[in-house]
Amino acid sequence: MKHIFKIVAILVAISAIWVALLETSTVPRSCAWLLPIYLVVALGCYGLFMVGFGLMFFPTCPQEAVLLQQDIVEAKEFLGKKGVDVGSE
């Protein structure tokens, strides 16, 4: 619930800044109308960058790989006891 309030507060603050820019003459009106679109595009670029960065530096966890293999073996044994064909391995 705290995250919702934080997001709503940020959206209200951004909206207030945008309306203030529309009402004042600090930014040309033709540019101020496009600020929400620029914000969405900037957030999209940031999101793509973070996904790409996370994929480039994806951590390898050898301990977790061993645990996952053990879980797979246990699941195959369990399903084999129930009569489910899980493959040739």
PDB file of N, CA and C in Angstrom:
ATOM      1  N   MET A   1       0.819  -1.185   0.000  1.00  0.00           N
ATOM      2  CA  MET A   1       0.000   0.000   0.000  1.00  0.00           C
ATOM      3  C   MET A   1       0.869   1.258   0.000  1.00  0.00           C
ATOM      4  N   LYS A   2       2.037   1.172   0.634  1.00  0.00           N
ATOM      5  CA  LYS A   2       2.922   2.332   0.679  1.00  0.00           C
ATOM      6  C   LYS A   2       3.394   2.710  -0.723  1.00  0.00           C
ATOM      7  N   HIS A   3       3.633   1.697  -1.571  1.00  0.00           N
ATOM      8  CA  HIS A   3       4.106   1.966  -2.923  1.00  0.00           C
ATOM      9  C   HIS A   3       3.043   2.695  -3.736  1.00  0.00           C
ATOM     10  N   ILE A   4       1.792   2.343  -3.536  1.00  0.00           N
ATOM     11  CA  ILE A   4       0.710   3.007  -4.260  1.00  0.00           C
ATOM     12  C   ILE A   4       0.676   4.488  -3.903  1.00  0.00           C
ATOM     13  N   PHE A   5       0.784   4.785  -2.606  1.00  0.00           N
ATOM     14  CA  PHE A   5       0.777   6.178  -2.177  1.00  0.00           C
ATOM     15  C   PHE A   5       1.984   6.931  -2.728  1.00  0.00           C
ATOM     16  N   LYS A   6       3.134   6.258  -2.773  1.00  0.00           N
ATOM     17  CA  LYS A   6       4.331   6.905  -3.298  1.00  0.00           C
ATOM     18  C   LYS A   6       4.165   7.193  -4.788  1.00  0.00           C
ATOM     19  N   ILE A   7       3.623   6.248  -5.528  1.00  0.00           N
ATOM     20  CA  ILE A   7       3.417   6.436  -6.959  1.00  0.00           C
ATOM     21  C   ILE A   7       2.405   7.548  -7.216  1.00  0.00           C
ATOM     22  N   VAL A   8       1.310   7.546  -6.449  1.00  0.00           N
ATOM     23  CA  VAL A   8       0.301   8.592  -6.613  1.00  0.00           C
ATOM     24  C   VAL A   8       0.887   9.958  -6.275  1.00  0.00           C
ATOM     25  N   ALA A   9       1.694  10.039  -5.235  1.00  0.00           N
ATOM     26  CA  ALA A   9       2.316  11.309  -4.857  1.00  0.00           C
ATOM     27  C   ALA A   9       3.252  11.804  -5.956  1.00  0.00           C
ATOM     28  N   ILE A  10       4.007  10.904  -6.546  1.00  0.00           N
ATOM     29  CA  ILE A  10       4.910  11.283  -7.632  1.00  0.00           C
ATOM     30  C   ILE A  10       4.115  11.763  -8.842  1.00  0.00           C
ATOM     31  N   LEU A  11       3.031  11.050  -9.172  1.00  0.00           N
ATOM     32  CA  LEU A  11       2.199  11.465 -10.298  1.00  0.00           C
ATOM     33  C   LEU A  11       1.553  12.824 -10.061  1.00  0.00           C
ATOM     34  N   VAL A  12       1.112  13.069  -8.830  1.00  0.00           N
ATOM     35  CA  VAL A  12       0.524  14.374  -8.506  1.00  0.00           C
ATOM     36  C   VAL A  12       1.581  15.471  -8.616  1.00  0.00           C
ATOM     37  N   ALA A  13       2.777  15.206  -8.127  1.00  0.00           N
ATOM     38  CA  ALA A  13       3.847  16.205  -8.213  1.00  0.00           C
ATOM     39  C   ALA A  13       4.212  16.501  -9.662  1.00  0.00           C
ATOM     40  N   ILE A  14       4.320  15.461 -10.474  1.00  0.00           N
ATOM     41  CA  ILE A  14       4.649  15.661 -11.891  1.00  0.00           C
ATOM     42  C   ILE A  14       3.529  16.431 -12.585  1.00  0.00           C
ATOM     43  N   SER A  15       2.285  16.083 -12.269  1.00  0.00           N
ATOM     44  CA  SER A  15       1.150  16.797 -12.868  1.00  0.00           C
ATOM     45  C   SER A  15       1.135  18.265 -12.452  1.00  0.00           C
ATOM     46  N   ALA A  16       1.445  18.529 -11.186  1.00  0.00           N
ATOM     47  CA  ALA A  16       1.478  19.921 -10.714  1.00  0.00           C
ATOM     48  C   ALA A  16       2.574  20.710 -11.424  1.00  0.00           C
ATOM     49  N   ILE A  17       3.728  20.103 -11.600  1.00  0.00           N
ATOM     50  CA  ILE A  17       4.815  20.779 -12.312  1.00  0.00           C
ATOM     51  C   ILE A  17       4.421  21.035 -13.754  1.00  0.00           C
ATOM     52  N   TRP A  18       3.762  20.057 -14.376  1.00  0.00           N
ATOM     53  CA  TRP A  18       3.354  20.204 -15.766  1.00  0.00           C
ATOM     54  C   TRP A  18       2.329  21.327 -15.922  1.00  0.00           C
ATOM     55  N   VAL A  19       1.346  21.366 -15.038  1.00  0.00           N
ATOM     56  CA  VAL A  19       0.335  22.425 -15.092  1.00  0.00           C
ATOM     57  C   VAL A  19       0.983  23.784 -14.843  1.00  0.00           C
ATOM     58  N   ALA A  20       1.919  23.833 -13.911  1.00  0.00           N
ATOM     59  CA  ALA A  20       2.615  25.096 -13.639  1.00  0.00           C
ATOM     60  C   ALA A  20       3.399  25.553 -14.866  1.00  0.00           C
ATOM     61  N   LEU A  21       4.031  24.630 -15.565  1.00  0.00           N
ATOM     62  CA  LEU A  21       4.757  24.992 -16.780  1.00  0.00           C
ATOM     63  C   LEU A  21       3.816  25.454 -17.880  1.00  0.00           C
ATOM     64  N   LEU A  22       2.624  24.871 -17.930  1.00  0.00           N
ATOM     65  CA  LEU A  22       1.639  25.309 -18.923  1.00  0.00           C
ATOM     66  C   LEU A  22       1.139  26.717 -18.619  1.00  0.00           C
ATOM     67  N   GLU A  23       0.977  27.039 -17.345  1.00  0.00           N
ATOM     68  CA  GLU A  23       0.425  28.329 -16.946  1.00  0.00           C
ATOM     69  C   GLU A  23       1.444  29.458 -17.015  1.00  0.00           C
ATOM     70  N   THR A  24       2.694  29.146 -16.770  1.00  0.00           N
ATOM     71  CA  THR A  24       3.726  30.186 -16.811  1.00  0.00           C
ATOM     72  C   THR A  24       4.345  30.226 -18.203  1.00  0.00           C
ATOM     73  N   SER A  25       5.174  31.189 -18.419  1.00  0.00           N
ATOM     74  CA  SER A  25       5.796  31.318 -19.733  1.00  0.00           C
ATOM     75  C   SER A  25       7.270  30.918 -19.710  1.00  0.00           C
ATOM     76  N   THR A  26       7.673  30.080 -18.741  1.00  0.00           N
ATOM     77  CA  THR A  26       9.079  29.672 -18.675  1.00  0.00           C
ATOM     78  C   THR A  26       9.428  28.716 -19.805  1.00  0.00           C
ATOM     79  N   VAL A  27       8.479  27.910 -20.203  1.00  0.00           N
ATOM     80  CA  VAL A  27       8.680  26.966 -21.303  1.00  0.00           C
ATOM     81  C   VAL A  27       7.632  27.293 -22.359  1.00  0.00           C
ATOM     82  N   PRO A  28       8.013  27.316 -23.624  1.00  0.00           N
ATOM     83  CA  PRO A  28       7.010  27.584 -24.663  1.00  0.00           C
ATOM     84  C   PRO A  28       5.848  26.587 -24.570  1.00  0.00           C
ATOM     85  N   ARG A  29       4.647  27.071 -24.789  1.00  0.00           N
ATOM     86  CA  ARG A  29       3.446  26.249 -24.642  1.00  0.00           C
ATOM     87  C   ARG A  29       3.474  25.037 -25.575  1.00  0.00           C
ATOM     88  N   SER A  30       4.034  25.192 -26.758  1.00  0.00           N
ATOM     89  CA  SER A  30       4.087  24.066 -27.696  1.00  0.00           C
ATOM     90  C   SER A  30       4.987  22.941 -27.168  1.00  0.00           C
ATOM     91  N   CYS A  31       6.015  23.285 -26.428  1.00  0.00           N
ATOM     92  CA  CYS A  31       6.898  22.269 -25.836  1.00  0.00           C
ATOM     93  C   CYS A  31       6.291  21.686 -24.562  1.00  0.00           C
ATOM     94  N   ALA A  32       5.610  22.508 -23.793  1.00  0.00           N
ATOM     95  CA  ALA A  32       5.051  22.046 -22.522  1.00  0.00           C
ATOM     96  C   ALA A  32       3.976  20.992 -22.734  1.00  0.00           C
ATOM     97  N   TRP A  33       3.236  21.081 -23.839  1.00  0.00           N
ATOM     98  CA  TRP A  33       2.202  20.073 -24.098  1.00  0.00           C
ATOM     99  C   TRP A  33       2.812  18.703 -24.355  1.00  0.00           C
ATOM    100  N   LEU A  34       4.033  18.680 -24.850  1.00  0.00           N
ATOM    101  CA  LEU A  34       4.674  17.413 -25.192  1.00  0.00           C
ATOM    102  C   LEU A  34       5.440  16.784 -24.029  1.00  0.00           C
ATOM    103  N   LEU A  35       5.561  17.477 -22.908  1.00  0.00           N
ATOM    104  CA  LEU A  35       6.350  16.957 -21.782  1.00  0.00           C
ATOM    105  C   LEU A  35       5.870  15.592 -21.281  1.00  0.00           C
ATOM    106  N   PRO A  36       4.562  15.311 -21.169  1.00  0.00           N
ATOM    107  CA  PRO A  36       4.158  13.963 -20.737  1.00  0.00           C
ATOM    108  C   PRO A  36       4.613  12.865 -21.700  1.00  0.00           C
ATOM    109  N   ILE A  37       4.601  13.169 -22.988  1.00  0.00           N
ATOM    110  CA  ILE A  37       5.064  12.183 -23.967  1.00  0.00           C
ATOM    111  C   ILE A  37       6.564  11.961 -23.804  1.00  0.00           C
ATOM    112  N   TYR A  38       7.306  13.046 -23.623  1.00  0.00           N
ATOM    113  CA  TYR A  38       8.742  12.918 -23.384  1.00  0.00           C
ATOM    114  C   TYR A  38       9.022  12.103 -22.121  1.00  0.00           C
ATOM    115  N   LEU A  39       8.227  12.313 -21.094  1.00  0.00           N
ATOM    116  CA  LEU A  39       8.401  11.571 -19.844  1.00  0.00           C
ATOM    117  C   LEU A  39       8.162  10.075 -20.054  1.00  0.00           C
ATOM    118  N   VAL A  40       7.123   9.732 -20.777  1.00  0.00           N
ATOM    119  CA  VAL A  40       6.834   8.312 -21.038  1.00  0.00           C
ATOM    120  C   VAL A  40       7.943   7.684 -21.869  1.00  0.00           C
ATOM    121  N   VAL A  41       8.418   8.397 -22.881  1.00  0.00           N
ATOM    122  CA  VAL A  41       9.510   7.879 -23.707  1.00  0.00           C
ATOM    123  C   VAL A  41      10.784   7.723 -22.878  1.00  0.00           C
ATOM    124  N   ALA A  42      11.071   8.698 -22.023  1.00  0.00           N
ATOM    125  CA  ALA A  42      12.264   8.615 -21.175  1.00  0.00           C
ATOM    126  C   ALA A  42      12.167   7.441 -20.206  1.00  0.00           C
ATOM    127  N   LEU A  43      10.989   7.230 -19.622  1.00  0.00           N
ATOM    128  CA  LEU A  43      10.819   6.087 -18.717  1.00  0.00           C
ATOM    129  C   LEU A  43      10.954   4.763 -19.457  1.00  0.00           C
ATOM    130  N   GLY A  44      10.454   4.707 -20.692  1.00  0.00           N
ATOM    131  CA  GLY A  44      10.608   3.499 -21.502  1.00  0.00           C
ATOM    132  C   GLY A  44      12.065   3.219 -21.817  1.00  0.00           C
ATOM    133  N   CYS A  45      12.808   4.255 -22.177  1.00  0.00           N
ATOM    134  CA  CYS A  45      14.243   4.089 -22.444  1.00  0.00           C
ATOM    135  C   CYS A  45      14.987   3.635 -21.194  1.00  0.00           C
ATOM    136  N   TYR A  46      14.623   4.234 -20.057  1.00  0.00           N
ATOM    137  CA  TYR A  46      15.255   3.838 -18.802  1.00  0.00           C
ATOM    138  C   TYR A  46      14.957   2.370 -18.491  1.00  0.00           C
ATOM    139  N   GLY A  47      13.712   1.955 -18.699  1.00  0.00           N
ATOM    140  CA  GLY A  47      13.345   0.567 -18.447  1.00  0.00           C
ATOM    141  C   GLY A  47      14.095  -0.396 -19.350  1.00  0.00           C
ATOM    142  N   LEU A  48      14.193  -0.062 -20.639  1.00  0.00           N
ATOM    143  CA  LEU A  48      14.944  -0.915 -21.558  1.00  0.00           C
ATOM    144  C   LEU A  48      16.415  -0.974 -21.189  1.00  0.00           C
ATOM    145  N   PHE A  49      16.973   0.163 -20.782  1.00  0.00           N
ATOM    146  CA  PHE A  49      18.365   0.176 -20.350  1.00  0.00           C
ATOM    147  C   PHE A  49      18.577  -0.725 -19.140  1.00  0.00           C
ATOM    148  N   MET A  50      17.673  -0.647 -18.162  1.00  0.00           N
ATOM    149  CA  MET A  50      17.831  -1.458 -16.957  1.00  0.00           C
ATOM    150  C   MET A  50      17.699  -2.951 -17.268  1.00  0.00           C
ATOM    151  N   VAL A  51      16.795  -3.318 -18.165  1.00  0.00           N
ATOM    152  CA  VAL A  51      16.665  -4.722 -18.563  1.00  0.00           C
ATOM    153  C   VAL A  51      17.937  -5.180 -19.276  1.00  0.00           C
ATOM    154  N   GLY A  52      18.425  -4.380 -20.209  1.00  0.00           N
ATOM    155  CA  GLY A  52      19.652  -4.739 -20.923  1.00  0.00           C
ATOM    156  C   GLY A  52      20.846  -4.833 -19.999  1.00  0.00           C
ATOM    157  N   PHE A  53      20.950  -3.896 -19.069  1.00  0.00           N
ATOM    158  CA  PHE A  53      22.055  -3.923 -18.110  1.00  0.00           C
ATOM    159  C   PHE A  53      21.971  -5.171 -17.228  1.00  0.00           C
ATOM    160  N   GLY A  54      20.759  -5.506 -16.802  1.00  0.00           N
ATOM    161  CA  GLY A  54      20.578  -6.704 -15.986  1.00  0.00           C
ATOM    162  C   GLY A  54      20.926  -7.973 -16.742  1.00  0.00           C
ATOM    163  N   LEU A  55      20.625  -8.011 -18.042  1.00  0.00           N
ATOM    164  CA  LEU A  55      20.964  -9.184 -18.840  1.00  0.00           C
ATOM    165  C   LEU A  55      22.453  -9.280 -19.114  1.00  0.00           C
ATOM    166  N   MET A  56      23.113  -8.128 -19.279  1.00  0.00           N
ATOM    167  CA  MET A  56      24.559  -8.151 -19.532  1.00  0.00           C
ATOM    168  C   MET A  56      25.327  -8.655 -18.315  1.00  0.00           C
ATOM    169  N   PHE A  57      24.879  -8.295 -17.138  1.00  0.00           N
ATOM    170  CA  PHE A  57      25.601  -8.650 -15.921  1.00  0.00           C
ATOM    171  C   PHE A  57      24.797  -9.634 -15.073  1.00  0.00           C
ATOM    172  N   PHE A  58      24.128 -10.573 -15.754  1.00  0.00           N
ATOM    173  CA  PHE A  58      23.327 -11.565 -15.051  1.00  0.00           C
ATOM    174  C   PHE A  58      24.246 -12.459 -14.223  1.00  0.00           C
ATOM    175  N   PRO A  59      23.988 -12.562 -12.933  1.00  0.00           N
ATOM    176  CA  PRO A  59      24.889 -13.350 -12.088  1.00  0.00           C
ATOM    177  C   PRO A  59      24.683 -14.851 -12.299  1.00  0.00           C
ATOM    178  N   THR A  60      25.784 -15.574 -12.243  1.00  0.00           N
ATOM    179  CA  THR A  60      25.680 -17.034 -12.286  1.00  0.00           C
ATOM    180  C   THR A  60      25.762 -17.543 -10.857  1.00  0.00           C
ATOM    181  N   CYS A  61      24.926 -18.491 -10.548  1.00  0.00           N
ATOM    182  CA  CYS A  61      24.841 -19.020  -9.190  1.00  0.00           C
ATOM    183  C   CYS A  61      25.029 -20.535  -9.246  1.00  0.00           C
ATOM    184  N   PRO A  62      26.258 -21.021  -9.145  1.00  0.00           N
ATOM    185  CA  PRO A  62      26.488 -22.461  -9.251  1.00  0.00           C
ATOM    186  C   PRO A  62      25.783 -23.257  -8.145  1.00  0.00           C
ATOM    187  N   GLN A  63      25.680 -22.683  -6.952  1.00  0.00           N
ATOM    188  CA  GLN A  63      25.006 -23.396  -5.865  1.00  0.00           C
ATOM    189  C   GLN A  63      23.525 -23.581  -6.189  1.00  0.00           C
ATOM    190  N   GLU A  64      22.919 -22.556  -6.731  1.00  0.00           N
ATOM    191  CA  GLU A  64      21.501 -22.630  -7.091  1.00  0.00           C
ATOM    192  C   GLU A  64      21.278 -23.602  -8.239  1.00  0.00           C
ATOM    193  N   ALA A  65      22.251 -23.705  -9.155  1.00  0.00           N
ATOM    194  CA  ALA A  65      22.134 -24.650 -10.263  1.00  0.00           C
ATOM    195  C   ALA A  65      22.123 -26.085  -9.740  1.00  0.00           C
ATOM    196  N   VAL A  66      22.962 -26.364  -8.744  1.00  0.00           N
ATOM    197  CA  VAL A  66      22.992 -27.705  -8.153  1.00  0.00           C
ATOM    198  C   VAL A  66      21.676 -28.010  -7.452  1.00  0.00           C
ATOM    199  N   LEU A  67      21.152 -27.032  -6.700  1.00  0.00           N
ATOM    200  CA  LEU A  67      19.871 -27.225  -6.019  1.00  0.00           C
ATOM    201  C   LEU A  67      18.735 -27.427  -7.017  1.00  0.00           C
ATOM    202  N   LEU A  68      18.784 -26.706  -8.123  1.00  0.00           N
ATOM    203  CA  LEU A  68      17.751 -26.856  -9.147  1.00  0.00           C
ATOM    204  C   LEU A  68      17.810 -28.242  -9.770  1.00  0.00           C
ATOM    205  N   GLN A  69      19.015 -28.741 -10.025  1.00  0.00           N
ATOM    206  CA  GLN A  69      19.155 -30.091 -10.578  1.00  0.00           C
ATOM    207  C   GLN A  69      18.617 -31.135  -9.605  1.00  0.00           C
ATOM    208  N   GLN A  70      18.851 -30.952  -8.311  1.00  0.00           N
ATOM    209  CA  GLN A  70      18.315 -31.871  -7.308  1.00  0.00           C
ATOM    210  C   GLN A  70      16.787 -31.821  -7.292  1.00  0.00           C
ATOM    211  N   ASP A  71      16.226 -30.631  -7.407  1.00  0.00           N
ATOM    212  CA  ASP A  71      14.772 -30.500  -7.452  1.00  0.00           C
ATOM    213  C   ASP A  71      14.191 -31.187  -8.678  1.00  0.00           C
ATOM    214  N   ILE A  72      14.890 -31.097  -9.798  1.00  0.00           N
ATOM    215  CA  ILE A  72      14.423 -31.740 -11.023  1.00  0.00           C
ATOM    216  C   ILE A  72      14.432 -33.251 -10.859  1.00  0.00           C
ATOM    217  N   VAL A  73      15.487 -33.784 -10.269  1.00  0.00           N
ATOM    218  CA  VAL A  73      15.569 -35.222 -10.043  1.00  0.00           C
ATOM    219  C   VAL A  73      14.445 -35.682  -9.109  1.00  0.00           C
ATOM    220  N   GLU A  74      14.211 -34.932  -8.030  1.00  0.00           N
ATOM    221  CA  GLU A  74      13.134 -35.283  -7.095  1.00  0.00           C
ATOM    222  C   GLU A  74      11.768 -35.232  -7.773  1.00  0.00           C
ATOM    223  N   ALA A  75      11.556 -34.227  -8.617  1.00  0.00           N
ATOM    224  CA  ALA A  75      10.271 -34.106  -9.309  1.00  0.00           C
ATOM    225  C   ALA A  75      10.070 -35.257 -10.287  1.00  0.00           C
ATOM    226  N   LYS A  76      11.128 -35.642 -10.994  1.00  0.00           N
ATOM    227  CA  LYS A  76      11.011 -36.774 -11.920  1.00  0.00           C
ATOM    228  C   LYS A  76      10.712 -38.065 -11.175  1.00  0.00           C
ATOM    229  N   GLU A  77      11.362 -38.270 -10.025  1.00  0.00           N
ATOM    230  CA  GLU A  77      11.078 -39.468  -9.230  1.00  0.00           C
ATOM    231  C   GLU A  77       9.636 -39.469  -8.737  1.00  0.00           C
ATOM    232  N   PHE A  78       9.174 -38.333  -8.262  1.00  0.00           N
ATOM    233  CA  PHE A  78       7.808 -38.226  -7.758  1.00  0.00           C
ATOM    234  C   PHE A  78       6.798 -38.496  -8.873  1.00  0.00           C
ATOM    235  N   LEU A  79       7.021 -37.861 -10.019  1.00  0.00           N
ATOM    236  CA  LEU A  79       6.097 -38.070 -11.125  1.00  0.00           C
ATOM    237  C   LEU A  79       6.185 -39.491 -11.674  1.00  0.00           C
ATOM    238  N   GLY A  80       7.388 -40.068 -11.633  1.00  0.00           N
ATOM    239  CA  GLY A  80       7.532 -41.453 -12.063  1.00  0.00           C
ATOM    240  C   GLY A  80       6.743 -42.412 -11.192  1.00  0.00           C
ATOM    241  N   LYS A  81       6.712 -42.147  -9.878  1.00  0.00           N
ATOM    242  CA  LYS A  81       5.928 -42.979  -8.959  1.00  0.00           C
ATOM    243  C   LYS A  81       4.428 -42.845  -9.227  1.00  0.00           C
ATOM    244  N   LYS A  82       4.017 -41.683  -9.717  1.00  0.00           N
ATOM    245  CA  LYS A  82       2.595 -41.443 -10.012  1.00  0.00           C
ATOM    246  C   LYS A  82       2.206 -41.976 -11.383  1.00  0.00           C
ATOM    247  N   GLY A  83       3.175 -42.485 -12.152  1.00  0.00           N
ATOM    248  CA  GLY A  83       2.869 -43.046 -13.450  1.00  0.00           C
ATOM    249  C   GLY A  83       2.963 -42.077 -14.614  1.00  0.00           C
ATOM    250  N   VAL A  84       3.609 -40.963 -14.405  1.00  0.00           N
ATOM    251  CA  VAL A  84       3.764 -39.982 -15.474  1.00  0.00           C
ATOM    252  C   VAL A  84       5.106 -40.201 -16.147  1.00  0.00           C
ATOM    253  N   ASP A  85       5.093 -40.284 -17.488  1.00  0.00           N
ATOM    254  CA  ASP A  85       6.329 -40.446 -18.244  1.00  0.00           C
ATOM    255  C   ASP A  85       6.988 -39.082 -18.386  1.00  0.00           C
ATOM    256  N   VAL A  86       8.190 -38.931 -17.812  1.00  0.00           N
ATOM    257  CA  VAL A  86       8.862 -37.620 -17.809  1.00  0.00           C
ATOM    258  C   VAL A  86      10.043 -37.566 -18.751  1.00  0.00           C
ATOM    259  N   GLY A  87      10.262 -38.552 -19.551  1.00  0.00           N
ATOM    260  CA  GLY A  87      11.348 -38.510 -20.505  1.00  0.00           C
ATOM    261  C   GLY A  87      12.319 -39.641 -20.296  1.00  0.00           C
ATOM    262  N   SER A  88      13.331 -39.678 -21.147  1.00  0.00           N
ATOM    263  CA  SER A  88      14.278 -40.786 -21.131  1.00  0.00           C
ATOM    264  C   SER A  88      15.412 -40.601 -20.143  1.00  0.00           C
ATOM    265  N   GLU A  89      15.604 -39.414 -19.634  1.00  0.00           N
ATOM    266  CA  GLU A  89      16.749 -39.177 -18.751  1.00  0.00           C
ATOM    267  C   GLU A  89      16.505 -39.718 -17.393  1.00  0.00           C
TER     268      GLU A  89
END
